[in-house]
N, C-alpha and C. Protein backbone atom coordinates (compact mmCIF):
# COMPACT_ATOMS: atom_id res chain seq x y z
N MET A 1 -18.66 38.36 6.25
CA MET A 1 -19.58 38.67 5.23
C MET A 1 -20.84 38.28 5.41
N ALA A 2 -22.32 38.96 5.62
CA ALA A 2 -23.65 38.28 5.69
C ALA A 2 -24.48 37.65 4.23
N LYS A 3 -24.52 36.75 4.48
CA LYS A 3 -25.18 36.33 3.18
C LYS A 3 -26.78 36.90 2.99
N LYS A 4 -26.79 37.42 1.74
CA LYS A 4 -28.15 38.15 1.12
C LYS A 4 -29.48 37.16 1.12
N ASP A 5 -30.46 37.14 1.96
CA ASP A 5 -31.03 36.35 1.71
C ASP A 5 -32.49 36.95 1.67
N THR A 6 -32.41 38.05 1.35
CA THR A 6 -33.89 38.77 1.34
C THR A 6 -33.98 39.59 -0.03
N PHE A 7 -34.25 39.59 -0.97
CA PHE A 7 -34.58 40.05 -2.30
C PHE A 7 -36.39 41.30 -1.95
N ARG A 8 -35.93 42.53 -1.93
CA ARG A 8 -36.79 43.86 -2.19
C ARG A 8 -36.66 44.61 -3.37
N ILE A 9 -37.97 44.31 -3.42
CA ILE A 9 -38.41 45.05 -4.85
C ILE A 9 -39.30 46.41 -4.45
N VAL A 10 -38.47 47.43 -4.98
CA VAL A 10 -39.10 48.89 -4.61
C VAL A 10 -39.73 49.48 -5.52
N THR A 11 -41.30 49.53 -5.83
CA THR A 11 -41.80 50.40 -7.16
C THR A 11 -42.84 51.59 -6.48
N ARG A 12 -43.24 52.02 -7.41
CA ARG A 12 -44.16 53.12 -7.26
C ARG A 12 -45.56 52.75 -7.58
N GLY A 13 -46.53 52.99 -6.51
CA GLY A 13 -48.18 52.62 -6.50
C GLY A 13 -48.67 53.52 -7.74
N SER A 14 -49.98 53.16 -8.01
CA SER A 14 -50.57 54.22 -8.80
C SER A 14 -51.29 55.09 -7.97
N ASP A 15 -51.28 55.20 -6.73
CA ASP A 15 -51.84 56.58 -6.12
C ASP A 15 -50.01 57.38 -5.59
N GLY A 16 -49.04 56.84 -6.01
CA GLY A 16 -47.86 57.19 -5.61
C GLY A 16 -46.77 57.05 -4.14
N SER A 17 -47.51 56.30 -3.95
CA SER A 17 -46.73 55.42 -2.95
C SER A 17 -46.13 54.74 -2.90
N LEU A 18 -45.14 54.16 -2.06
CA LEU A 18 -44.19 53.11 -2.72
C LEU A 18 -44.60 51.92 -2.35
N LEU A 19 -44.44 51.01 -3.22
CA LEU A 19 -44.82 49.46 -2.59
C LEU A 19 -43.51 48.77 -2.85
N ILE A 20 -43.73 48.33 -1.73
CA ILE A 20 -42.40 47.54 -0.92
C ILE A 20 -42.68 45.66 -0.85
N ARG A 21 -41.98 44.77 -1.75
CA ARG A 21 -42.34 43.51 -1.65
C ARG A 21 -41.18 42.80 -1.27
N ASP A 22 -40.89 41.82 -0.37
CA ASP A 22 -39.66 41.13 0.09
C ASP A 22 -39.81 39.49 -0.45
N TYR A 23 -39.19 39.10 -1.06
CA TYR A 23 -39.26 37.86 -1.42
C TYR A 23 -37.77 37.03 -1.24
N PRO A 24 -37.62 35.61 -0.49
CA PRO A 24 -36.81 34.68 0.33
C PRO A 24 -36.20 33.99 -0.91
N THR A 25 -36.25 34.37 -2.16
CA THR A 25 -35.89 34.08 -3.03
C THR A 25 -35.49 35.08 -3.92
N CYS A 26 -34.76 35.09 -5.07
CA CYS A 26 -35.29 35.86 -6.65
C CYS A 26 -35.76 34.66 -7.58
N ASP A 27 -36.04 34.12 -7.06
CA ASP A 27 -37.21 33.14 -8.34
C ASP A 27 -38.64 34.18 -8.65
N PRO A 28 -38.93 34.52 -7.94
CA PRO A 28 -40.37 35.33 -8.04
C PRO A 28 -40.18 35.90 -9.03
N ILE A 29 -38.96 37.26 -8.97
CA ILE A 29 -38.46 38.08 -9.81
C ILE A 29 -38.08 37.92 -11.01
N LEU A 30 -37.34 36.28 -11.12
CA LEU A 30 -37.06 36.00 -12.51
C LEU A 30 -38.51 35.46 -13.35
N GLU A 31 -39.55 35.28 -12.53
CA GLU A 31 -40.59 35.25 -13.32
C GLU A 31 -41.25 36.34 -13.95
N MET A 32 -41.17 37.58 -13.27
CA MET A 32 -41.79 38.95 -13.59
C MET A 32 -40.70 39.14 -14.53
N HIS A 33 -39.44 39.59 -14.48
CA HIS A 33 -38.23 40.76 -15.30
C HIS A 33 -37.36 39.59 -15.77
N MET A 34 -36.75 39.76 -16.79
CA MET A 34 -35.67 39.05 -17.43
C MET A 34 -34.19 39.32 -16.94
N GLN A 35 -33.51 38.76 -16.67
CA GLN A 35 -32.18 38.82 -16.26
C GLN A 35 -31.32 38.88 -17.42
N VAL A 36 -30.34 39.60 -17.13
CA VAL A 36 -29.67 40.37 -18.36
C VAL A 36 -28.52 40.04 -17.76
N GLY A 37 -27.86 39.63 -16.54
CA GLY A 37 -26.82 39.54 -16.42
C GLY A 37 -26.35 39.20 -14.48
N THR A 38 -25.13 39.54 -14.04
CA THR A 38 -24.74 39.40 -12.85
C THR A 38 -23.93 40.46 -12.48
N ASP A 39 -24.32 40.86 -11.44
CA ASP A 39 -23.40 41.80 -10.96
C ASP A 39 -22.37 41.46 -10.71
N ASP A 40 -20.82 42.02 -10.80
CA ASP A 40 -19.37 41.92 -10.97
C ASP A 40 -18.49 43.16 -10.67
N CYS A 41 -19.30 44.00 -9.91
CA CYS A 41 -18.54 45.27 -9.88
C CYS A 41 -18.73 46.37 -7.99
N SER A 42 -19.99 45.11 -7.60
CA SER A 42 -20.16 46.13 -6.29
C SER A 42 -19.16 45.97 -5.22
N THR A 43 -19.20 47.16 -4.51
CA THR A 43 -17.95 46.98 -3.74
C THR A 43 -18.32 46.38 -2.24
N ASP A 44 -19.90 45.98 -2.02
CA ASP A 44 -20.05 44.76 -1.13
C ASP A 44 -20.32 43.51 -2.06
N LEU A 45 -18.83 43.13 -1.35
CA LEU A 45 -18.69 41.17 -1.84
C LEU A 45 -20.50 40.12 -1.68
N ALA A 46 -21.09 40.73 -0.47
CA ALA A 46 -22.13 39.82 -0.52
C ALA A 46 -23.28 40.17 -1.88
N ILE A 47 -22.86 41.34 -2.77
CA ILE A 47 -23.71 41.19 -3.58
C ILE A 47 -22.91 40.47 -5.16
N ARG A 48 -21.97 40.59 -5.17
CA ARG A 48 -21.47 40.57 -6.27
C ARG A 48 -21.84 39.16 -6.82
N GLY A 49 -22.04 38.67 -8.13
CA GLY A 49 -23.12 37.66 -8.36
C GLY A 49 -24.34 37.59 -8.44
N MET A 50 -25.11 38.52 -7.76
CA MET A 50 -26.26 38.80 -7.50
C MET A 50 -27.07 38.69 -9.15
N PRO A 51 -28.29 38.67 -9.72
CA PRO A 51 -28.55 38.93 -10.44
C PRO A 51 -28.88 40.48 -11.12
N VAL A 52 -28.68 40.79 -12.24
CA VAL A 52 -29.19 42.34 -12.78
C VAL A 52 -30.66 42.12 -13.87
N PHE A 53 -31.37 42.31 -13.68
CA PHE A 53 -32.75 42.40 -14.09
C PHE A 53 -32.95 43.70 -15.19
N ARG A 54 -33.96 43.24 -16.28
CA ARG A 54 -34.12 44.49 -16.81
C ARG A 54 -34.99 45.02 -16.45
N GLY A 55 -35.15 46.41 -16.29
CA GLY A 55 -36.49 47.48 -16.05
C GLY A 55 -36.15 47.84 -14.33
N LEU A 56 -35.24 47.26 -14.41
CA LEU A 56 -34.79 47.06 -12.26
C LEU A 56 -33.50 47.86 -12.07
N ILE A 57 -33.38 49.06 -11.18
CA ILE A 57 -32.02 49.30 -10.92
C ILE A 57 -31.26 47.96 -9.78
N GLY A 58 -30.72 47.83 -10.06
CA GLY A 58 -29.84 46.80 -8.68
C GLY A 58 -28.92 45.74 -8.92
N PRO A 59 -28.22 45.26 -8.28
CA PRO A 59 -28.85 45.05 -6.79
C PRO A 59 -27.72 46.30 -5.93
N ILE A 60 -28.82 46.34 -5.34
CA ILE A 60 -28.41 47.57 -3.92
C ILE A 60 -28.39 47.00 -2.35
N PRO A 61 -27.01 47.02 -1.97
CA PRO A 61 -27.14 46.38 -0.70
C PRO A 61 -27.99 47.25 0.36
N GLU A 62 -29.02 46.84 1.15
CA GLU A 62 -29.54 47.53 2.10
C GLU A 62 -29.21 46.51 3.76
N GLY A 63 -28.74 47.41 4.58
CA GLY A 63 -28.81 46.21 5.70
C GLY A 63 -27.87 44.98 5.55
N LYS A 64 -27.94 44.07 6.64
CA LYS A 64 -26.99 42.77 6.45
C LYS A 64 -27.26 42.06 5.32
N ASN A 65 -28.87 41.58 5.26
CA ASN A 65 -29.45 39.97 4.49
C ASN A 65 -30.06 40.81 3.66
N ILE A 66 -30.02 42.20 2.92
CA ILE A 66 -31.28 42.64 1.78
C ILE A 66 -30.45 42.84 0.58
N VAL A 67 -30.90 42.77 -0.07
CA VAL A 67 -30.72 43.16 -1.23
C VAL A 67 -31.94 43.60 -2.23
N ARG A 68 -31.36 45.20 -2.43
CA ARG A 68 -32.82 45.84 -2.63
C ARG A 68 -32.68 46.07 -4.64
N TYR A 69 -33.66 45.92 -4.59
CA TYR A 69 -33.60 46.51 -6.43
C TYR A 69 -35.11 47.44 -6.50
N GLU A 70 -34.63 48.51 -7.21
CA GLU A 70 -35.92 49.54 -7.68
C GLU A 70 -36.26 49.87 -9.26
N SER A 71 -37.77 50.84 -9.11
CA SER A 71 -37.50 50.76 -10.37
C SER A 71 -37.19 52.34 -10.72
N PRO A 72 -36.81 51.82 -12.04
CA PRO A 72 -35.97 53.55 -12.44
C PRO A 72 -36.43 54.78 -12.06
N GLU A 73 -37.95 54.84 -11.86
CA GLU A 73 -38.82 56.25 -11.34
C GLU A 73 -38.50 55.92 -10.16
N VAL A 74 -38.77 55.22 -9.35
CA VAL A 74 -38.24 55.35 -7.46
C VAL A 74 -36.73 55.41 -7.30
N PHE A 75 -36.02 54.85 -8.38
CA PHE A 75 -34.43 55.08 -8.09
C PHE A 75 -34.33 56.51 -8.40
N GLU A 76 -34.66 57.36 -9.25
CA GLU A 76 -34.43 58.68 -9.77
C GLU A 76 -35.25 59.11 -8.48
N THR A 77 -36.75 58.99 -7.92
CA THR A 77 -37.00 60.06 -7.09
C THR A 77 -36.15 60.24 -5.81
N LEU A 78 -35.80 59.00 -5.48
CA LEU A 78 -35.28 58.55 -4.43
C LEU A 78 -33.55 59.76 -3.90
N THR A 79 -33.25 59.38 -4.94
CA THR A 79 -31.90 59.99 -5.02
C THR A 79 -32.00 61.27 -5.38
N LYS A 80 -32.62 62.15 -6.04
CA LYS A 80 -33.11 63.63 -5.69
C LYS A 80 -33.57 63.94 -4.65
N GLU A 81 -33.83 63.32 -3.97
CA GLU A 81 -34.52 63.56 -2.31
C GLU A 81 -33.31 63.22 -1.56
N TRP A 82 -32.29 62.45 -2.02
CA TRP A 82 -31.27 62.40 -1.26
C TRP A 82 -30.21 63.41 -1.39
N ILE A 83 -30.19 64.01 -2.46
CA ILE A 83 -29.18 64.76 -2.77
C ILE A 83 -29.85 66.00 -2.17
N ASN A 84 -30.68 66.16 -2.32
CA ASN A 84 -31.55 67.81 -1.50
C ASN A 84 -31.55 67.42 -0.02
N LYS A 85 -31.62 66.37 0.49
CA LYS A 85 -31.12 66.17 1.96
C LYS A 85 -29.92 66.48 2.34
N THR A 86 -29.09 66.05 1.67
CA THR A 86 -27.46 66.60 2.22
C THR A 86 -27.33 67.46 2.41
N PRO A 87 -26.54 68.13 3.61
CA PRO A 87 -25.92 69.25 4.05
C PRO A 87 -24.80 69.93 3.22
N LYS A 88 -25.23 70.97 3.01
CA LYS A 88 -24.22 71.75 2.32
C LYS A 88 -22.88 71.90 2.99
N ARG A 89 -22.13 72.29 2.11
CA ARG A 89 -21.02 72.45 3.24
C ARG A 89 -20.90 73.90 3.38
N ARG A 90 -19.89 74.02 4.32
CA ARG A 90 -19.93 75.38 5.07
C ARG A 90 -18.50 75.88 5.04
N ARG A 91 -18.28 77.16 4.50
CA ARG A 91 -16.80 77.68 4.77
C ARG A 91 -16.80 78.21 6.06
N ARG A 92 -15.59 77.59 6.60
CA ARG A 92 -15.28 77.92 7.95
C ARG A 92 -13.61 78.32 7.89
N ARG A 93 -13.34 78.83 6.83
CA ARG A 93 -12.13 79.46 6.92
C ARG A 93 -11.46 80.38 7.34
N ALA A 94 -12.86 81.44 7.11
CA ALA A 94 -12.25 82.73 8.11
C ALA A 94 -12.04 83.30 9.31
N LYS A 95 -12.93 81.92 10.05
CA LYS A 95 -13.42 81.53 11.70
C LYS A 95 -11.57 81.17 11.65
N SER A 96 -11.29 80.31 11.43
CA SER A 96 -10.03 79.31 11.68
C SER A 96 -9.17 80.34 11.24
N GLU A 97 -9.10 81.02 10.32
CA GLU A 97 -7.89 82.06 9.65
C GLU A 97 -7.66 83.29 10.91
N ALA A 98 -9.10 83.19 11.58
CA ALA A 98 -8.95 84.54 12.62
C ALA A 98 -8.41 84.36 13.72
N SER A 99 -8.77 83.44 14.29
CA SER A 99 -8.13 82.48 15.54
C SER A 99 -6.72 82.64 15.50
N ALA A 100 -5.94 81.65 14.38
CA ALA A 100 -4.69 81.78 14.02
C ALA A 100 -4.05 82.83 13.74
N THR A 101 -4.30 84.24 13.58
CA THR A 101 -4.13 85.21 13.68
C THR A 101 -4.21 86.36 14.36
N GLY A 102 -5.12 85.94 15.11
CA GLY A 102 -5.68 87.06 16.29
C GLY A 102 -6.56 87.99 15.87
N MET A 103 -7.11 88.16 14.67
CA MET A 103 -8.14 89.20 14.49
C MET A 103 -9.46 88.66 14.56
N ASP A 104 -10.29 89.88 14.19
CA ASP A 104 -11.32 89.06 13.99
C ASP A 104 -12.10 89.00 12.65
N THR A 105 -13.07 88.19 12.80
CA THR A 105 -13.72 87.59 11.66
C THR A 105 -13.74 88.27 10.76
N GLN A 106 -14.18 89.69 11.18
CA GLN A 106 -14.76 90.65 9.89
C GLN A 106 -13.58 91.41 9.08
N GLU A 107 -12.28 91.64 10.16
CA GLU A 107 -10.68 91.95 9.84
C GLU A 107 -10.95 91.13 8.38
N ILE A 108 -10.88 89.66 8.74
CA ILE A 108 -9.93 89.31 7.82
C ILE A 108 -11.33 88.82 5.81
N VAL A 109 -12.51 88.86 6.40
CA VAL A 109 -13.42 89.34 5.77
C VAL A 109 -13.54 91.12 4.42
N ASN A 110 -13.07 91.98 5.46
CA ASN A 110 -12.71 93.06 4.97
C ASN A 110 -11.18 93.16 4.50
N ALA A 111 -10.27 92.34 4.26
CA ALA A 111 -9.39 92.44 4.07
C ALA A 111 -8.66 92.83 2.84
N PRO A 112 -8.11 93.64 2.24
CA PRO A 112 -7.34 93.92 1.02
C PRO A 112 -7.13 92.87 0.45
N GLU A 113 -7.41 92.54 -1.08
CA GLU A 113 -6.80 91.50 -1.81
C GLU A 113 -5.57 91.44 -2.45
N VAL A 114 -4.73 90.45 -2.25
CA VAL A 114 -3.55 90.64 -2.57
C VAL A 114 -3.44 90.21 -4.32
N GLU A 115 -2.45 91.21 -4.59
CA GLU A 115 -2.44 91.57 -6.25
C GLU A 115 -1.72 90.30 -6.72
N THR A 116 -1.91 89.70 -7.86
CA THR A 116 -1.14 88.79 -8.28
C THR A 116 -0.54 88.76 -9.57
N ASP A 117 0.60 88.16 -10.22
CA ASP A 117 0.71 88.65 -11.72
C ASP A 117 -0.04 88.34 -12.29
N SER A 118 -0.24 88.91 -13.86
CA SER A 118 -1.35 89.15 -14.50
C SER A 118 -1.21 87.55 -15.30
N SER A 119 -0.30 86.77 -15.06
CA SER A 119 -0.12 86.04 -15.96
C SER A 119 -0.38 84.36 -15.13
N MET A 120 -0.84 85.05 -14.16
CA MET A 120 -1.38 83.44 -13.37
C MET A 120 -3.07 83.79 -12.72
N GLY A 121 -3.08 82.45 -12.51
CA GLY A 121 -4.60 82.21 -12.35
C GLY A 121 -5.24 83.10 -10.76
N ALA A 122 -6.01 82.91 -10.77
CA ALA A 122 -6.55 83.49 -9.56
C ALA A 122 -6.15 82.09 -8.69
N ASN A 123 -5.72 81.46 -8.41
CA ASN A 123 -5.54 80.53 -7.60
C ASN A 123 -4.15 79.99 -7.95
N GLY A 124 -2.95 81.01 -8.33
CA GLY A 124 -1.87 80.97 -8.31
C GLY A 124 -1.21 80.58 -9.37
N ILE A 125 -1.89 79.56 -10.22
CA ILE A 125 -1.57 78.73 -10.85
C ILE A 125 -1.39 79.40 -12.66
N VAL A 126 -0.47 78.66 -13.47
CA VAL A 126 -0.20 79.64 -14.58
C VAL A 126 -1.23 79.07 -15.26
N PRO A 127 -2.03 79.48 -16.25
CA PRO A 127 -3.09 78.88 -16.98
C PRO A 127 -2.33 77.74 -18.23
N HIS A 128 -2.64 76.78 -18.78
CA HIS A 128 -2.28 75.79 -19.62
C HIS A 128 -1.64 76.77 -20.88
N GLY A 129 -2.36 77.23 -21.69
CA GLY A 129 -2.48 77.96 -22.70
C GLY A 129 -1.49 79.02 -22.70
N LEU A 130 -0.95 79.26 -21.71
CA LEU A 130 0.23 80.23 -21.69
C LEU A 130 1.18 79.54 -21.49
N ILE A 131 1.72 79.20 -20.81
CA ILE A 131 2.88 77.78 -20.73
C ILE A 131 3.13 77.46 -22.35
N ASP A 132 1.83 77.08 -23.33
CA ASP A 132 2.39 76.65 -24.55
C ASP A 132 2.55 77.94 -25.36
N ASN A 133 2.07 79.10 -25.08
CA ASN A 133 2.50 80.33 -25.96
C ASN A 133 4.05 80.66 -25.69
N GLU A 134 4.21 80.92 -24.16
CA GLU A 134 5.38 80.96 -24.01
C GLU A 134 6.40 80.37 -24.47
N MET A 135 6.60 78.78 -24.63
CA MET A 135 7.24 78.15 -25.00
C MET A 135 7.47 77.84 -26.10
N SER A 136 6.19 78.04 -27.52
CA SER A 136 6.87 78.18 -28.61
C SER A 136 7.25 79.49 -29.32
N MET A 137 7.50 80.57 -27.97
CA MET A 137 8.20 81.69 -28.42
C MET A 137 9.77 81.68 -28.68
N ASN A 138 10.31 80.77 -27.75
CA ASN A 138 11.58 80.05 -27.73
C ASN A 138 12.27 79.46 -28.54
């Protein structure tokens, strides 16, 4: 477990650019922000016990020896960018079914739907309310 020995503060400048400042200790941060607690639940054990500051999101592990704090606006913006960058899941079921059955993908896509019992949901699971109604009838 590496020791976190760099404290990084990320904020937004007046021109919209990211301002990143690194400190060797948390003392300068304590002069700017009030400590409201310590982290006690991070999955990165090197982060546990690090200070939590009012007005900053963090501590966030970044690399082996950096602990990061972000302004709420930066955190929100970077999170939205990260979500939009995450690749969408693609459905590959038709292709794998086609190879397993020896059918064309187009045949599976155009295959007729299987009829299900009207008391069952689309996924073959009986809705909870139906079970309650049938049990109250008995």
